[in-house]
Amino acid sequence: MLVTNIETVPGRQIVKHLGLVQGSTVRAKHIGRDIMAGLKNVFGGELKGYTELLQESRDEALGRLQEQAQAVGANAVLNVRFSTSSVAQGAAELFAYGTAVVLDNE
């Protein structure tokens, strides 16, 4: 399945618009990552534990978005965007959304 942040795909036509699809995950911080992040805040540097956590969250949210798109019969999701929000102390939601479409077969 094609997943992209652009509104159209060069050389392809949208033959059916299926609407908004989404995927999300809520993740909590890990105590081990918090300890390392605290040290990095003092000494400086990349917070690799959080970088990994966010990458895992993006991957999971995109996977769920693709599952929803397949369920409605899409072969592509266009104009994909990400959003984050805090839902509780130490927990955040990563939300992916886009437009499910059927593209022609070239």
C-alpha atoms as a PDB file:
ATOM      1  CA  MET A   1       0.000   0.000   0.000  1.00  0.00           C
ATOM      2  CA  LEU A   2       1.268   3.435  -0.928  1.00  0.00           C
ATOM      3  CA  VAL A   3       1.376   5.852   2.025  1.00  0.00           C
ATOM      4  CA  THR A   4       2.502   9.398   1.308  1.00  0.00           C
ATOM      5  CA  ASN A   5       2.264  12.928   2.637  1.00  0.00           C
ATOM      6  CA  ILE A   6       1.501  14.440  -0.786  1.00  0.00           C
ATOM      7  CA  GLU A   7      -2.026  15.090  -2.072  1.00  0.00           C
ATOM      8  CA  THR A   8      -1.640  13.367  -5.431  1.00  0.00           C
ATOM      9  CA  VAL A   9       0.666  10.760  -6.914  1.00  0.00           C
ATOM     10  CA  PRO A  10       2.411  11.836 -10.126  1.00  0.00           C
ATOM     11  CA  GLY A  11       1.293   9.683 -13.044  1.00  0.00           C
ATOM     12  CA  ARG A  12      -1.588   8.095 -11.119  1.00  0.00           C
ATOM     13  CA  GLN A  13      -5.266   8.998 -10.989  1.00  0.00           C
ATOM     14  CA  ILE A  14      -7.540   8.761  -7.974  1.00  0.00           C
ATOM     15  CA  VAL A  15     -10.467   6.599  -9.075  1.00  0.00           C
ATOM     16  CA  LYS A  16     -12.246   6.429  -5.718  1.00  0.00           C
ATOM     17  CA  HIS A  17     -12.167   8.548  -2.570  1.00  0.00           C
ATOM     18  CA  LEU A  18     -12.855   6.490   0.566  1.00  0.00           C
ATOM     19  CA  GLY A  19     -12.480   9.136   3.254  1.00  0.00           C
ATOM     20  CA  LEU A  20     -10.423   9.689   6.359  1.00  0.00           C
ATOM     21  CA  VAL A  21      -8.478   6.831   7.933  1.00  0.00           C
ATOM     22  CA  GLN A  22      -6.524   6.967  11.140  1.00  0.00           C
ATOM     23  CA  GLY A  23      -4.282   5.070  13.476  1.00  0.00           C
ATOM     24  CA  SER A  24      -3.087   5.898  16.937  1.00  0.00           C
ATOM     25  CA  THR A  25      -1.151   4.606  19.891  1.00  0.00           C
ATOM     26  CA  VAL A  26      -0.777   5.842  23.449  1.00  0.00           C
ATOM     27  CA  ARG A  27       2.610   5.282  25.031  1.00  0.00           C
ATOM     28  CA  ALA A  28       3.896   5.885  28.523  1.00  0.00           C
ATOM     29  CA  LYS A  29       7.436   6.790  29.439  1.00  0.00           C
ATOM     30  CA  HIS A  30       9.681   4.053  30.782  1.00  0.00           C
ATOM     31  CA  ILE A  31      11.507   4.621  34.080  1.00  0.00           C
ATOM     32  CA  GLY A  32      14.829   3.500  32.575  1.00  0.00           C
ATOM     33  CA  ARG A  33      14.421   5.940  29.712  1.00  0.00           C
ATOM     34  CA  ASP A  34      13.511   8.708  32.168  1.00  0.00           C
ATOM     35  CA  ILE A  35      16.698   8.163  34.168  1.00  0.00           C
ATOM     36  CA  MET A  36      18.849   8.288  31.031  1.00  0.00           C
ATOM     37  CA  ALA A  37      16.949  11.326  29.754  1.00  0.00           C
ATOM     38  CA  GLY A  38      17.591  13.093  33.040  1.00  0.00           C
ATOM     39  CA  LEU A  39      21.323  12.476  32.684  1.00  0.00           C
ATOM     40  CA  LYS A  40      21.302  13.664  29.072  1.00  0.00           C
ATOM     41  CA  ASN A  41      19.520  16.853  30.167  1.00  0.00           C
ATOM     42  CA  VAL A  42      22.444  17.545  32.486  1.00  0.00           C
ATOM     43  CA  PHE A  43      25.264  16.571  30.111  1.00  0.00           C
ATOM     44  CA  GLY A  44      23.596  17.172  26.745  1.00  0.00           C
ATOM     45  CA  GLY A  45      23.069  14.872  23.789  1.00  0.00           C
ATOM     46  CA  GLU A  46      20.341  12.993  21.984  1.00  0.00           C
ATOM     47  CA  LEU A  47      17.686  11.298  24.090  1.00  0.00           C
ATOM     48  CA  LYS A  48      17.974   8.009  22.196  1.00  0.00           C
ATOM     49  CA  GLY A  49      15.463   6.181  24.393  1.00  0.00           C
ATOM     50  CA  TYR A  50      12.800   8.732  23.507  1.00  0.00           C
ATOM     51  CA  THR A  51      13.841   8.769  19.853  1.00  0.00           C
ATOM     52  CA  GLU A  52      13.300   4.997  19.745  1.00  0.00           C
ATOM     53  CA  LEU A  53       9.994   5.299  21.608  1.00  0.00           C
ATOM     54  CA  LEU A  54       8.698   7.863  19.126  1.00  0.00           C
ATOM     55  CA  GLN A  55       9.825   5.803  16.115  1.00  0.00           C
ATOM     56  CA  GLU A  56       8.058   2.733  17.501  1.00  0.00           C
ATOM     57  CA  SER A  57       4.950   4.853  18.096  1.00  0.00           C
ATOM     58  CA  ARG A  58       4.986   6.261  14.547  1.00  0.00           C
ATOM     59  CA  ASP A  59       5.399   2.760  13.106  1.00  0.00           C
ATOM     60  CA  GLU A  60       2.514   1.399  15.176  1.00  0.00           C
ATOM     61  CA  ALA A  61       0.200   4.311  14.325  1.00  0.00           C
ATOM     62  CA  LEU A  62       1.022   3.972  10.608  1.00  0.00           C
ATOM     63  CA  GLY A  63       0.414   0.228  10.743  1.00  0.00           C
ATOM     64  CA  ARG A  64      -3.020   0.818  12.249  1.00  0.00           C
ATOM     65  CA  LEU A  65      -3.771   3.487   9.643  1.00  0.00           C
ATOM     66  CA  GLN A  66      -2.870   1.021   6.868  1.00  0.00           C
ATOM     67  CA  GLU A  67      -5.047  -1.702   8.417  1.00  0.00           C
ATOM     68  CA  GLN A  68      -8.010   0.663   8.454  1.00  0.00           C
ATOM     69  CA  ALA A  69      -7.324   1.723   4.861  1.00  0.00           C
ATOM     70  CA  GLN A  70      -7.184  -1.900   3.686  1.00  0.00           C
ATOM     71  CA  ALA A  71     -10.448  -2.616   5.514  1.00  0.00           C
ATOM     72  CA  VAL A  72     -12.245   0.035   3.442  1.00  0.00           C
ATOM     73  CA  GLY A  73     -10.676  -1.159   0.167  1.00  0.00           C
ATOM     74  CA  ALA A  74      -7.957   1.451  -0.359  1.00  0.00           C
ATOM     75  CA  ASN A  75      -4.676   0.842  -2.136  1.00  0.00           C
ATOM     76  CA  ALA A  76      -3.178   4.174  -1.021  1.00  0.00           C
ATOM     77  CA  VAL A  77      -3.368   6.757   1.737  1.00  0.00           C
ATOM     78  CA  LEU A  78      -2.597  10.318   0.721  1.00  0.00           C
ATOM     79  CA  ASN A  79      -1.843  13.509   2.630  1.00  0.00           C
ATOM     80  CA  VAL A  80      -0.704  11.599   5.745  1.00  0.00           C
ATOM     81  CA  ARG A  81      -0.058  13.694   8.828  1.00  0.00           C
ATOM     82  CA  PHE A  82       1.010  13.038  12.421  1.00  0.00           C
ATOM     83  CA  SER A  83      -0.193  14.672  15.595  1.00  0.00           C
ATOM     84  CA  THR A  84       0.673  14.212  19.252  1.00  0.00           C
ATOM     85  CA  SER A  85      -1.143  15.037  22.442  1.00  0.00           C
ATOM     86  CA  SER A  86      -0.699  14.431  26.132  1.00  0.00           C
ATOM     87  CA  VAL A  87      -3.428  12.203  27.535  1.00  0.00           C
ATOM     88  CA  ALA A  88      -2.158  11.640  31.089  1.00  0.00           C
ATOM     89  CA  GLN A  89       0.852  12.327  33.280  1.00  0.00           C
ATOM     90  CA  GLY A  90       3.760  10.684  31.467  1.00  0.00           C
ATOM     91  CA  ALA A  91       1.650   9.316  28.575  1.00  0.00           C
ATOM     92  CA  ALA A  92       1.145  10.688  25.089  1.00  0.00           C
ATOM     93  CA  GLU A  93      -0.876   9.755  22.029  1.00  0.00           C
ATOM     94  CA  LEU A  94       0.679   9.667  18.587  1.00  0.00           C
ATOM     95  CA  PHE A  95      -2.028   9.973  15.938  1.00  0.00           C
ATOM     96  CA  ALA A  96      -1.619   9.385  12.184  1.00  0.00           C
ATOM     97  CA  TYR A  97      -4.325  10.302   9.702  1.00  0.00           C
ATOM     98  CA  GLY A  98      -4.792  10.602   5.969  1.00  0.00           C
ATOM     99  CA  THR A  99      -7.156  10.150   3.046  1.00  0.00           C
ATOM    100  CA  ALA A 100      -7.846   6.604   1.853  1.00  0.00           C
ATOM    101  CA  VAL A 101      -8.148   6.308  -1.928  1.00  0.00           C
ATOM    102  CA  VAL A 102      -8.091   3.827  -4.741  1.00  0.00           C
ATOM    103  CA  LEU A 103      -5.502   4.698  -7.378  1.00  0.00           C
ATOM    104  CA  ASP A 104      -5.537   3.423 -10.940  1.00  0.00           C
ATOM    105  CA  ASN A 105      -3.092   0.688 -11.914  1.00  0.00           C
ATOM    106  CA  GLU A 106      -0.863   3.063 -13.904  1.00  0.00           C
END
